Amino acid sequence: MRILTIGYSLPNQIVDNHTILNSPSFTDYDAVFIDPEAITTAVQQLLDGERPFNAQDGRPVVNGATTATQISAADQLTRRSEEARRFLEQGGTIFVIGRPNAVLPGVVGFEGFDRYSWLPAPKGASWNPPHIRAGEGKTVRIADDRHPLSPVLREHRRHLSYRAVLDQAIGTRGHEGHVIATGGSNMPIAAEFPVLAGRVVVTPTFATVTGTARTKLAQSLVDAMTEVASGAVSEDAPGWSRTHALPGSEQIEAELEEAAEAESAAASRAAAVRERLNALTSHRRLLWATGPAFATAVEEALALLGLNATEADEGLAVTEGEHTALVEVESSREDVAEWPYVRLQRRLERHLLDEGEQLRGIIVANGKRHITPSARRGQLTDALRIACENYGYALVTGETLFALVQRALGTDAEGATPFEAAGRRLLFGRGLVTTEQAVGEAEEESDASIF
């Protein structure tokens, strides 16, 4: 047994590790293991002059014409395609890491070269969408425990991920192929296909591991390839075999079909419930998040209070009726200093100069965000608080805004609610606005002017 690997070296005495540009002929081996990404990587290195490659006869591989002293990259790549076809026609086995296809221009004499130019496709399929397309994840579920690849996927699960998914029609009527493993949403990520007289096995991606882990992974893959190449793969029963009934088989098959439908329905319900839960719990970002996540949480919270987001002066702004306020946010592990005030002041001045319109301002600050809210002291510097009071900007903490969200979500009132009034109090606030002030439990003298 001899195995050729291209792009993912396996330390094993029966394995030869090469690149697509310098390897011996595929037909010299019993099985081939290839990472398509390594193919385009090697060719790109050749095109960029980053790395020299020599063919088996010692001639340098060049991006040009073949001569007595050099060999064309296009000729090498074309030869790989011919070798792969002959190899499969002779019953060979190719393991290929699933990658989305990608075209690499610039190969002289081989325009349209891509990651799968060398590999014949299964009957009625191709190595392009929708039969294989990009997909990323680490979830690996074994679909066929009998396949020789399955023990590899199970034993080395923590070193696996996937970068491509296969067509879900694999294995259905009119489609050849057998699913070995699935990823998220039960999309196939590992499968075996009959191609010509041979077999092509698509695998997930394997991480680069070292030491004994590398040796164990190499041996596991060698064992799996040996089994597949020797024909020790359990075949699926032909479709006509189902017409030969066994006592009780039809009832059990019906139960299985019913259970599968229930599982699918439950998965759909779980996905819908999870989406609703994520939408609700995302408001907790007001208490701990920073950056764009915190800004999005603030925008969603203000919308619950009747302040709808709009665009003004290249930043967040909210409107209520004819009134508009620019909004600045900041979340920090320390006390929030005066920088959001400085940014807000500059935006307001720029808008006044450009549009001749004086807008209001709101600052949402979340200090000491890594500490549970009940244990926080301060959160804001005096400089920020005093600046907002003096210039008439509303200042509200993430904790206060979260409390308003809690109350808004807990009301069943229709139409205008006290929490839309809370939004108006924020819009017209001056200085630090507490939860009690926002909901009208601590009325300010100026309240009447905003209704």
Protein backbone atom coordinates (compact mmCIF):
# COMPACT_ATOMS: atom_id res chain seq x y z
CA MET A 1 0.00 0.00 0.00
CA ARG A 2 1.38 3.40 -1.03
CA ILE A 3 -0.31 6.74 -0.42
CA LEU A 4 0.39 10.15 -1.96
CA THR A 5 -0.53 13.33 -0.08
CA ILE A 6 -0.63 16.81 -1.55
CA GLY A 7 -1.03 19.82 0.72
CA TYR A 8 -1.46 17.99 4.04
CA SER A 9 1.61 15.99 4.98
CA LEU A 10 1.16 12.78 6.96
CA PRO A 11 4.19 11.39 8.82
CA ASN A 12 3.94 7.70 7.92
CA GLN A 13 6.31 5.26 6.27
CA ILE A 14 3.90 4.37 3.45
CA VAL A 15 3.08 8.02 2.65
CA ASP A 16 4.87 10.31 0.19
CA ASN A 17 4.23 14.02 0.77
CA HIS A 18 4.48 16.38 -2.21
CA THR A 19 2.98 19.46 -3.87
CA ILE A 20 0.80 19.47 -6.98
CA LEU A 21 3.74 20.78 -9.03
CA ASN A 22 6.43 18.28 -8.02
CA SER A 23 4.66 15.03 -7.15
CA PRO A 24 5.13 11.70 -8.95
CA SER A 25 2.26 10.35 -11.03
CA PHE A 26 -0.97 9.60 -9.17
CA THR A 27 -1.08 6.20 -10.84
CA ASP A 28 2.01 5.09 -8.88
CA TYR A 29 -0.13 4.97 -5.72
CA ASP A 30 -3.06 3.07 -4.24
CA ALA A 31 -4.68 6.15 -2.66
CA VAL A 32 -4.26 9.92 -2.87
CA PHE A 33 -5.04 12.52 -0.19
CA ILE A 34 -5.30 16.14 -1.42
CA ASP A 35 -6.12 19.54 0.04
CA PRO A 36 -7.41 21.64 -2.91
CA GLU A 37 -6.48 24.87 -1.12
CA ALA A 38 -2.84 23.78 -1.16
CA ILE A 39 -3.05 23.42 -4.94
CA THR A 40 -3.95 27.05 -5.58
CA THR A 41 -1.54 28.13 -2.82
CA ALA A 42 1.40 26.38 -4.50
CA VAL A 43 0.51 27.75 -7.92
CA GLN A 44 0.13 31.27 -6.50
CA GLN A 45 3.58 30.95 -4.90
CA LEU A 46 4.97 29.99 -8.29
CA LEU A 47 3.26 32.92 -10.03
CA ASP A 48 4.53 35.36 -7.37
CA GLY A 49 8.06 33.96 -7.45
CA GLU A 50 7.91 33.17 -3.74
CA ARG A 51 8.98 29.54 -4.03
CA PRO A 52 10.77 27.43 -6.66
CA PHE A 53 9.37 24.07 -7.76
CA ASN A 54 11.14 21.29 -9.62
CA ALA A 55 9.46 18.43 -11.47
CA GLN A 56 10.45 14.83 -10.78
CA ASP A 57 13.01 14.96 -13.60
CA GLY A 58 14.70 17.97 -11.99
CA ARG A 59 13.51 20.60 -14.45
CA PRO A 60 12.20 23.82 -12.86
CA VAL A 61 8.49 24.48 -13.16
CA VAL A 62 7.81 27.89 -14.75
CA ASN A 63 4.81 29.96 -15.72
CA GLY A 64 5.69 29.79 -19.38
CA ALA A 65 6.37 27.33 -22.18
CA THR A 66 7.88 23.87 -21.78
CA THR A 67 11.41 23.50 -23.16
CA ALA A 68 14.22 21.00 -22.80
CA THR A 69 15.36 22.75 -19.61
CA GLN A 70 12.07 23.75 -18.00
CA ILE A 71 8.48 22.55 -17.73
CA SER A 72 5.32 24.59 -18.00
CA ALA A 73 3.07 24.87 -14.93
CA ALA A 74 0.09 24.52 -17.27
CA ASP A 75 1.50 21.22 -18.58
CA GLN A 76 2.04 19.94 -15.04
CA LEU A 77 -1.51 20.84 -14.02
CA THR A 78 -3.02 19.36 -17.17
CA ARG A 79 -1.07 16.17 -16.57
CA ARG A 80 -2.51 15.95 -13.03
CA SER A 81 -6.01 16.04 -14.50
CA GLU A 82 -5.16 13.21 -16.91
CA GLU A 83 -3.51 11.20 -14.10
CA ALA A 84 -6.52 11.63 -11.81
CA ARG A 85 -8.86 10.39 -14.54
CA ARG A 86 -6.71 7.33 -15.29
CA PHE A 87 -6.29 6.68 -11.57
CA LEU A 88 -10.06 6.65 -11.00
CA GLU A 89 -10.69 4.61 -14.15
CA GLN A 90 -8.38 1.98 -12.65
CA GLY A 91 -10.44 1.90 -9.42
CA GLY A 92 -8.28 4.30 -7.41
CA THR A 93 -9.33 6.14 -4.25
CA ILE A 94 -8.95 9.89 -3.76
CA PHE A 95 -9.55 11.58 -0.41
CA VAL A 96 -10.09 15.32 -0.89
CA ILE A 97 -10.55 17.93 1.82
CA GLY A 98 -13.77 19.83 1.19
CA ARG A 99 -13.07 23.41 0.13
CA PRO A 100 -15.19 25.87 -1.86
CA ASN A 101 -13.92 26.15 -5.41
CA ALA A 102 -11.79 29.13 -6.35
CA VAL A 103 -10.40 30.26 -9.70
CA LEU A 104 -6.76 31.31 -9.97
CA PRO A 105 -6.03 33.45 -13.05
CA GLY A 106 -2.61 34.05 -14.51
CA VAL A 107 -1.44 30.52 -15.38
CA VAL A 108 -0.07 30.82 -18.91
CA GLY A 109 -1.78 28.27 -21.13
CA PHE A 110 -4.39 27.29 -18.55
CA GLU A 111 -6.92 30.08 -18.22
CA GLY A 112 -9.76 29.16 -15.88
CA PHE A 113 -7.56 26.99 -13.66
CA ASP A 114 -9.24 26.32 -10.30
CA ARG A 115 -8.92 24.14 -7.21
CA TYR A 116 -10.78 21.24 -8.79
CA SER A 117 -9.60 21.43 -12.40
CA TRP A 118 -7.73 18.17 -11.91
CA LEU A 119 -10.57 16.13 -10.35
CA PRO A 120 -13.35 14.43 -12.38
CA ALA A 121 -16.77 15.10 -10.85
CA PRO A 122 -19.40 12.54 -9.85
CA LYS A 123 -22.07 11.76 -12.42
CA GLY A 124 -24.57 14.62 -12.72
CA ALA A 125 -22.60 16.90 -10.39
CA SER A 126 -19.68 19.31 -10.37
CA TRP A 127 -17.19 20.77 -7.90
CA ASN A 128 -19.01 24.10 -7.98
CA PRO A 129 -22.19 25.45 -6.33
CA PRO A 130 -24.75 24.14 -5.63
CA HIS A 131 -23.00 20.77 -5.35
CA ILE A 132 -20.25 22.17 -3.12
CA ARG A 133 -20.21 25.65 -1.63
CA ALA A 134 -18.61 27.64 1.16
CA GLY A 135 -19.61 26.90 4.74
CA GLU A 136 -17.80 27.25 8.05
CA GLY A 137 -18.21 25.51 11.36
CA LYS A 138 -16.89 22.93 13.82
CA THR A 139 -20.00 20.80 14.38
CA VAL A 140 -19.39 17.27 13.10
CA ARG A 141 -22.12 14.63 13.38
CA ILE A 142 -21.41 11.09 12.23
CA ALA A 143 -24.07 9.93 9.77
CA ASP A 144 -22.62 6.49 8.96
CA ASP A 145 -20.77 4.64 11.72
CA ARG A 146 -19.80 1.87 9.31
CA HIS A 147 -17.62 3.98 7.04
CA PRO A 148 -13.85 3.70 7.65
CA LEU A 149 -13.57 7.50 7.88
CA SER A 150 -16.05 7.73 10.78
CA PRO A 151 -13.63 6.52 13.51
CA VAL A 152 -11.15 9.16 12.32
CA LEU A 153 -13.75 11.91 12.59
CA ARG A 154 -14.86 10.72 16.02
CA GLU A 155 -11.39 10.23 17.52
CA HIS A 156 -9.97 13.51 16.18
CA ARG A 157 -13.13 15.62 16.46
CA ARG A 158 -11.38 18.46 18.31
CA HIS A 159 -9.00 18.90 15.38
CA LEU A 160 -11.82 19.12 12.82
CA SER A 161 -13.71 21.95 11.19
CA TYR A 162 -15.39 22.35 7.84
CA ARG A 163 -14.97 24.98 5.14
CA ALA A 164 -17.46 23.64 2.60
CA VAL A 165 -20.85 21.93 2.58
CA LEU A 166 -22.21 19.53 0.00
CA ASP A 167 -25.59 19.40 -1.70
CA GLN A 168 -28.26 17.99 0.61
CA ALA A 169 -29.57 15.93 -2.32
CA ILE A 170 -26.66 13.49 -1.92
CA GLY A 171 -27.99 9.97 -1.63
CA THR A 172 -31.49 10.81 -2.86
CA ARG A 173 -32.97 9.30 -5.98
CA GLY A 174 -31.10 10.47 -9.06
CA HIS A 175 -28.02 11.48 -7.05
CA GLU A 176 -25.07 9.24 -6.41
CA GLY A 177 -23.19 9.59 -3.18
CA HIS A 178 -23.21 8.48 0.43
CA VAL A 179 -23.17 10.90 3.38
CA ILE A 180 -20.57 10.10 6.05
CA ALA A 181 -20.93 13.14 8.33
CA THR A 182 -22.97 16.33 8.59
CA GLY A 183 -22.37 19.74 10.08
CA GLY A 184 -24.71 22.48 11.24
CA SER A 185 -28.32 22.20 10.02
CA ASN A 186 -27.49 18.63 8.95
CA MET A 187 -25.64 19.83 5.84
CA PRO A 188 -23.34 17.08 4.46
CA ILE A 189 -19.66 17.83 5.08
CA ALA A 190 -18.17 14.38 4.42
CA ALA A 191 -19.33 11.96 1.75
CA GLU A 192 -18.18 9.23 -0.62
CA PHE A 193 -18.92 9.32 -4.36
CA PRO A 194 -18.40 6.75 -7.10
CA VAL A 195 -16.45 8.48 -9.86
CA LEU A 196 -15.66 6.53 -13.01
CA ALA A 197 -14.50 3.15 -11.62
CA GLY A 198 -13.02 4.61 -8.45
CA ARG A 199 -14.06 6.49 -5.34
CA VAL A 200 -13.77 10.09 -4.18
CA VAL A 201 -14.16 10.73 -0.45
CA VAL A 202 -14.74 14.34 0.64
CA THR A 203 -13.56 15.03 4.20
CA PRO A 204 -13.76 17.97 6.63
CA THR A 205 -10.60 20.02 7.18
CA PHE A 206 -7.98 18.82 9.65
CA ALA A 207 -6.11 21.29 11.85
CA THR A 208 -2.33 21.44 11.76
CA VAL A 209 -1.29 19.36 14.77
CA THR A 210 2.18 18.33 15.89
CA GLY A 211 3.92 15.64 17.90
CA THR A 212 2.16 12.43 18.84
CA ALA A 213 -1.22 13.91 17.87
CA ARG A 214 0.07 14.31 14.30
CA THR A 215 1.38 10.76 14.24
CA LYS A 216 -1.91 9.32 15.53
CA LEU A 217 -3.95 11.35 13.04
CA ALA A 218 -1.69 10.21 10.19
CA GLN A 219 -2.08 6.55 11.16
CA SER A 220 -5.86 6.91 11.50
CA LEU A 221 -6.14 8.44 8.03
CA VAL A 222 -3.82 5.82 6.55
CA ASP A 223 -5.97 3.05 8.05
CA ALA A 224 -9.16 4.64 6.67
CA MET A 225 -7.69 5.10 3.19
CA THR A 226 -6.39 1.54 3.22
CA GLU A 227 -9.84 0.19 4.06
CA VAL A 228 -11.57 2.25 1.39
CA ALA A 229 -8.94 1.46 -1.25
CA SER A 230 -9.19 -2.27 -0.50
CA GLY A 231 -12.96 -2.17 -0.90
CA ALA A 232 -13.77 -2.75 2.78
CA VAL A 233 -16.67 -0.30 2.73
CA SER A 234 -20.17 -1.43 3.57
CA GLU A 235 -22.46 -0.81 0.63
CA ASP A 236 -25.95 0.59 0.98
CA ALA A 237 -28.72 -1.86 0.18
CA PRO A 238 -30.13 -1.38 -3.35
CA GLY A 239 -33.55 0.25 -3.55
CA TRP A 240 -35.27 -2.91 -4.81
CA SER A 241 -34.36 -4.76 -1.60
CA ARG A 242 -37.10 -2.84 0.22
CA THR A 243 -39.73 -4.66 -1.80
CA HIS A 244 -38.82 -7.86 0.05
CA ALA A 245 -40.79 -7.49 3.27
CA LEU A 246 -39.85 -8.91 6.65
CA PRO A 247 -42.39 -9.39 9.46
CA GLY A 248 -42.66 -6.08 11.29
CA SER A 249 -40.25 -4.18 9.02
CA GLU A 250 -42.91 -1.97 7.43
CA GLN A 251 -44.24 -0.93 10.85
CA ILE A 252 -40.77 -0.09 12.12
CA GLU A 253 -39.97 1.84 8.94
CA ALA A 254 -43.18 3.83 9.40
CA GLU A 255 -42.24 4.53 13.03
CA LEU A 256 -38.79 5.66 11.92
CA GLU A 257 -40.27 7.99 9.30
CA GLU A 258 -42.67 9.44 11.87
CA ALA A 259 -39.84 9.92 14.37
CA ALA A 260 -37.69 11.62 11.72
CA GLU A 261 -40.53 14.01 10.86
CA ALA A 262 -41.03 14.78 14.55
CA GLU A 263 -37.30 15.39 14.95
CA SER A 264 -37.29 17.78 11.99
CA ALA A 265 -40.34 19.64 13.31
CA ALA A 266 -38.78 19.86 16.78
CA ALA A 267 -35.55 21.21 15.29
CA SER A 268 -37.52 23.88 13.40
CA ARG A 269 -39.41 24.86 16.56
CA ALA A 270 -36.19 24.97 18.55
CA ALA A 271 -34.59 27.23 15.94
CA ALA A 272 -37.56 29.62 16.04
CA VAL A 273 -37.61 29.68 19.85
CA ARG A 274 -33.85 30.19 19.97
CA GLU A 275 -34.17 33.14 17.61
CA ARG A 276 -36.83 34.74 19.83
CA LEU A 277 -34.75 34.12 22.95
CA ASN A 278 -31.62 35.58 21.37
CA ALA A 279 -33.56 38.68 20.30
CA LEU A 280 -34.81 39.14 23.86
CA THR A 281 -31.60 38.42 25.76
CA SER A 282 -29.60 40.62 23.40
CA HIS A 283 -30.84 43.57 25.49
CA ARG A 284 -28.46 42.40 28.24
CA ARG A 285 -25.64 43.79 26.11
CA LEU A 286 -26.58 47.17 27.60
CA LEU A 287 -24.90 45.99 30.81
CA TRP A 288 -21.63 44.53 29.53
CA ALA A 289 -20.98 44.93 25.80
CA THR A 290 -18.70 47.45 24.15
CA GLY A 291 -18.08 48.80 20.65
CA PRO A 292 -20.62 48.12 17.87
CA ALA A 293 -22.46 45.52 19.98
CA PHE A 294 -23.16 48.10 22.68
CA ALA A 295 -24.19 50.72 20.11
CA THR A 296 -26.65 48.27 18.52
CA ALA A 297 -28.11 47.41 21.92
CA VAL A 298 -28.60 51.12 22.66
CA GLU A 299 -30.30 51.69 19.31
CA GLU A 300 -32.71 48.78 19.91
CA ALA A 301 -33.47 49.95 23.45
CA LEU A 302 -34.23 53.51 22.38
CA ALA A 303 -36.57 52.14 19.69
CA LEU A 304 -38.55 50.39 22.44
CA LEU A 305 -38.96 53.79 24.07
CA GLY A 306 -40.37 55.35 20.91
CA LEU A 307 -37.11 56.90 19.70
CA ASN A 308 -36.48 55.59 16.21
CA ALA A 309 -33.02 55.50 14.71
CA THR A 310 -32.16 57.79 11.84
CA GLU A 311 -29.02 59.00 10.11
CA ALA A 312 -27.61 62.36 10.99
CA ASP A 313 -24.03 63.57 10.83
CA GLU A 314 -22.53 60.13 10.20
CA GLY A 315 -23.56 58.60 13.51
CA LEU A 316 -26.45 57.37 15.57
CA ALA A 317 -29.41 59.70 15.90
CA VAL A 318 -33.00 59.21 17.05
CA THR A 319 -36.25 60.99 16.29
CA GLU A 320 -39.58 61.42 18.03
CA GLY A 321 -42.10 63.44 16.10
CA GLU A 322 -40.36 66.54 14.80
CA HIS A 323 -37.52 66.31 17.31
CA THR A 324 -34.11 64.78 16.64
CA ALA A 325 -31.23 64.03 18.98
CA LEU A 326 -27.72 62.90 18.17
CA VAL A 327 -26.60 59.97 20.29
CA GLU A 328 -23.12 59.06 21.51
CA VAL A 329 -22.37 55.83 23.36
CA GLU A 330 -19.42 54.52 25.33
CA SER A 331 -18.85 51.38 27.39
CA SER A 332 -15.69 50.96 29.42
CA ARG A 333 -14.09 48.82 32.12
CA GLU A 334 -13.32 52.08 33.92
CA ASP A 335 -15.42 55.16 34.69
CA VAL A 336 -16.61 56.74 31.44
CA ALA A 337 -14.80 60.06 30.98
CA GLU A 338 -15.82 63.11 28.95
CA TRP A 339 -14.89 61.74 25.49
CA PRO A 340 -18.47 60.90 24.39
CA TYR A 341 -19.42 64.47 25.32
CA VAL A 342 -16.55 65.82 23.19
CA ARG A 343 -17.66 63.70 20.21
CA LEU A 344 -21.29 64.74 20.66
CA GLN A 345 -20.38 68.43 20.89
CA ARG A 346 -18.37 68.25 17.67
CA ARG A 347 -21.20 66.49 15.81
CA LEU A 348 -23.78 69.01 17.01
CA GLU A 349 -21.60 71.97 16.04
CA ARG A 350 -20.88 70.47 12.62
CA HIS A 351 -24.59 69.86 12.02
CA LEU A 352 -25.42 73.40 13.09
CA LEU A 353 -22.84 74.84 10.68
CA ASP A 354 -23.86 72.59 7.77
CA GLU A 355 -27.64 72.51 8.22
CA GLY A 356 -28.38 75.54 10.38
CA GLU A 357 -30.30 73.33 12.79
CA GLN A 358 -29.72 72.95 16.52
CA LEU A 359 -30.33 69.34 17.60
CA ARG A 360 -30.50 67.82 21.04
CA GLY A 361 -28.04 65.29 22.44
CA ILE A 362 -28.13 62.02 24.35
CA ILE A 363 -25.16 60.18 25.85
CA VAL A 364 -25.46 56.55 26.95
CA ALA A 365 -22.52 55.51 29.13
CA ASN A 366 -21.74 52.14 30.68
CA GLY A 367 -18.85 52.34 33.13
CA LYS A 368 -17.23 49.41 34.97
CA ARG A 369 -18.92 47.10 32.49
CA HIS A 370 -17.07 43.99 33.75
CA ILE A 371 -18.67 44.30 37.22
CA THR A 372 -22.22 43.27 38.07
CA PRO A 373 -24.36 46.45 38.09
CA SER A 374 -25.29 46.18 41.78
CA ALA A 375 -21.61 46.36 42.74
CA ARG A 376 -20.70 49.34 40.55
CA ARG A 377 -19.76 52.62 42.12
CA GLY A 378 -19.66 55.78 40.07
CA GLN A 379 -19.50 54.63 36.41
CA LEU A 380 -19.21 58.26 35.23
CA THR A 381 -16.67 60.98 35.88
CA ASP A 382 -17.78 64.30 37.35
CA ALA A 383 -16.44 66.05 34.24
CA LEU A 384 -18.87 64.14 32.01
CA ARG A 385 -21.84 64.65 34.31
CA ILE A 386 -21.22 68.40 34.76
CA ALA A 387 -20.65 68.96 31.02
CA CYS A 388 -24.00 67.33 30.19
CA GLU A 389 -25.78 69.43 32.82
CA ASN A 390 -24.21 72.67 31.60
CA TYR A 391 -24.86 72.09 27.90
CA GLY A 392 -28.27 70.46 28.23
CA TYR A 393 -27.53 66.93 27.05
CA ALA A 394 -29.26 63.88 28.50
CA LEU A 395 -26.89 61.46 30.21
CA VAL A 396 -28.13 57.93 30.93
CA THR A 397 -26.31 54.80 32.06
CA GLY A 398 -26.58 51.43 30.38
CA GLU A 399 -28.04 50.12 33.64
CA THR A 400 -30.82 52.73 33.58
CA LEU A 401 -31.59 52.06 29.93
CA PHE A 402 -31.77 48.32 30.68
CA ALA A 403 -34.22 48.99 33.53
CA LEU A 404 -36.41 50.97 31.12
CA VAL A 405 -36.28 48.08 28.64
CA GLN A 406 -37.35 45.68 31.38
CA ARG A 407 -40.37 47.84 32.19
CA ALA A 408 -41.24 48.45 28.54
CA LEU A 409 -41.20 44.74 27.75
CA GLY A 410 -43.29 44.00 30.81
CA THR A 411 -46.20 46.26 29.92
CA ASP A 412 -49.29 45.09 28.03
CA ALA A 413 -50.56 48.59 27.36
CA GLU A 414 -51.53 49.43 23.78
CA GLY A 415 -50.77 52.65 21.97
CA ALA A 416 -48.82 55.34 23.79
CA THR A 417 -47.24 53.95 26.95
CA PRO A 418 -45.38 55.52 29.87
CA PHE A 419 -42.24 54.22 28.23
CA GLU A 420 -42.73 56.34 25.14
CA ALA A 421 -42.98 59.20 27.61
CA ALA A 422 -39.69 57.96 29.05
CA GLY A 423 -38.20 58.26 25.58
CA ARG A 424 -39.35 61.87 25.37
CA ARG A 425 -37.82 62.57 28.79
CA LEU A 426 -34.51 61.24 27.49
CA LEU A 427 -34.84 63.33 24.35
CA PHE A 428 -35.36 66.50 26.39
CA GLY A 429 -33.26 65.50 29.40
CA ARG A 430 -30.55 67.67 30.90
CA GLY A 431 -27.75 65.98 32.81
CA LEU A 432 -27.99 62.58 34.46
CA VAL A 433 -31.41 60.96 33.98
CA THR A 434 -32.31 58.23 36.48
CA THR A 435 -34.82 55.44 35.96
CA GLU A 436 -37.30 57.16 38.27
CA GLN A 437 -37.00 60.45 36.40
CA ALA A 438 -37.40 58.73 33.03
CA VAL A 439 -40.65 57.00 33.99
CA GLY A 440 -42.07 60.07 35.75
CA GLU A 441 -41.80 58.80 39.31
CA ALA A 442 -39.57 61.76 40.13
CA GLU A 443 -41.12 64.53 38.01
CA GLU A 444 -39.04 67.51 37.08
CA GLU A 445 -40.50 70.99 36.82
CA SER A 446 -39.85 71.13 33.09
CA ASP A 447 -41.79 67.95 32.35
CA ALA A 448 -44.90 69.74 31.16
CA SER A 449 -43.03 71.36 28.29
CA ILE A 450 -42.28 68.06 26.58
CA PHE A 451 -45.86 66.77 26.28
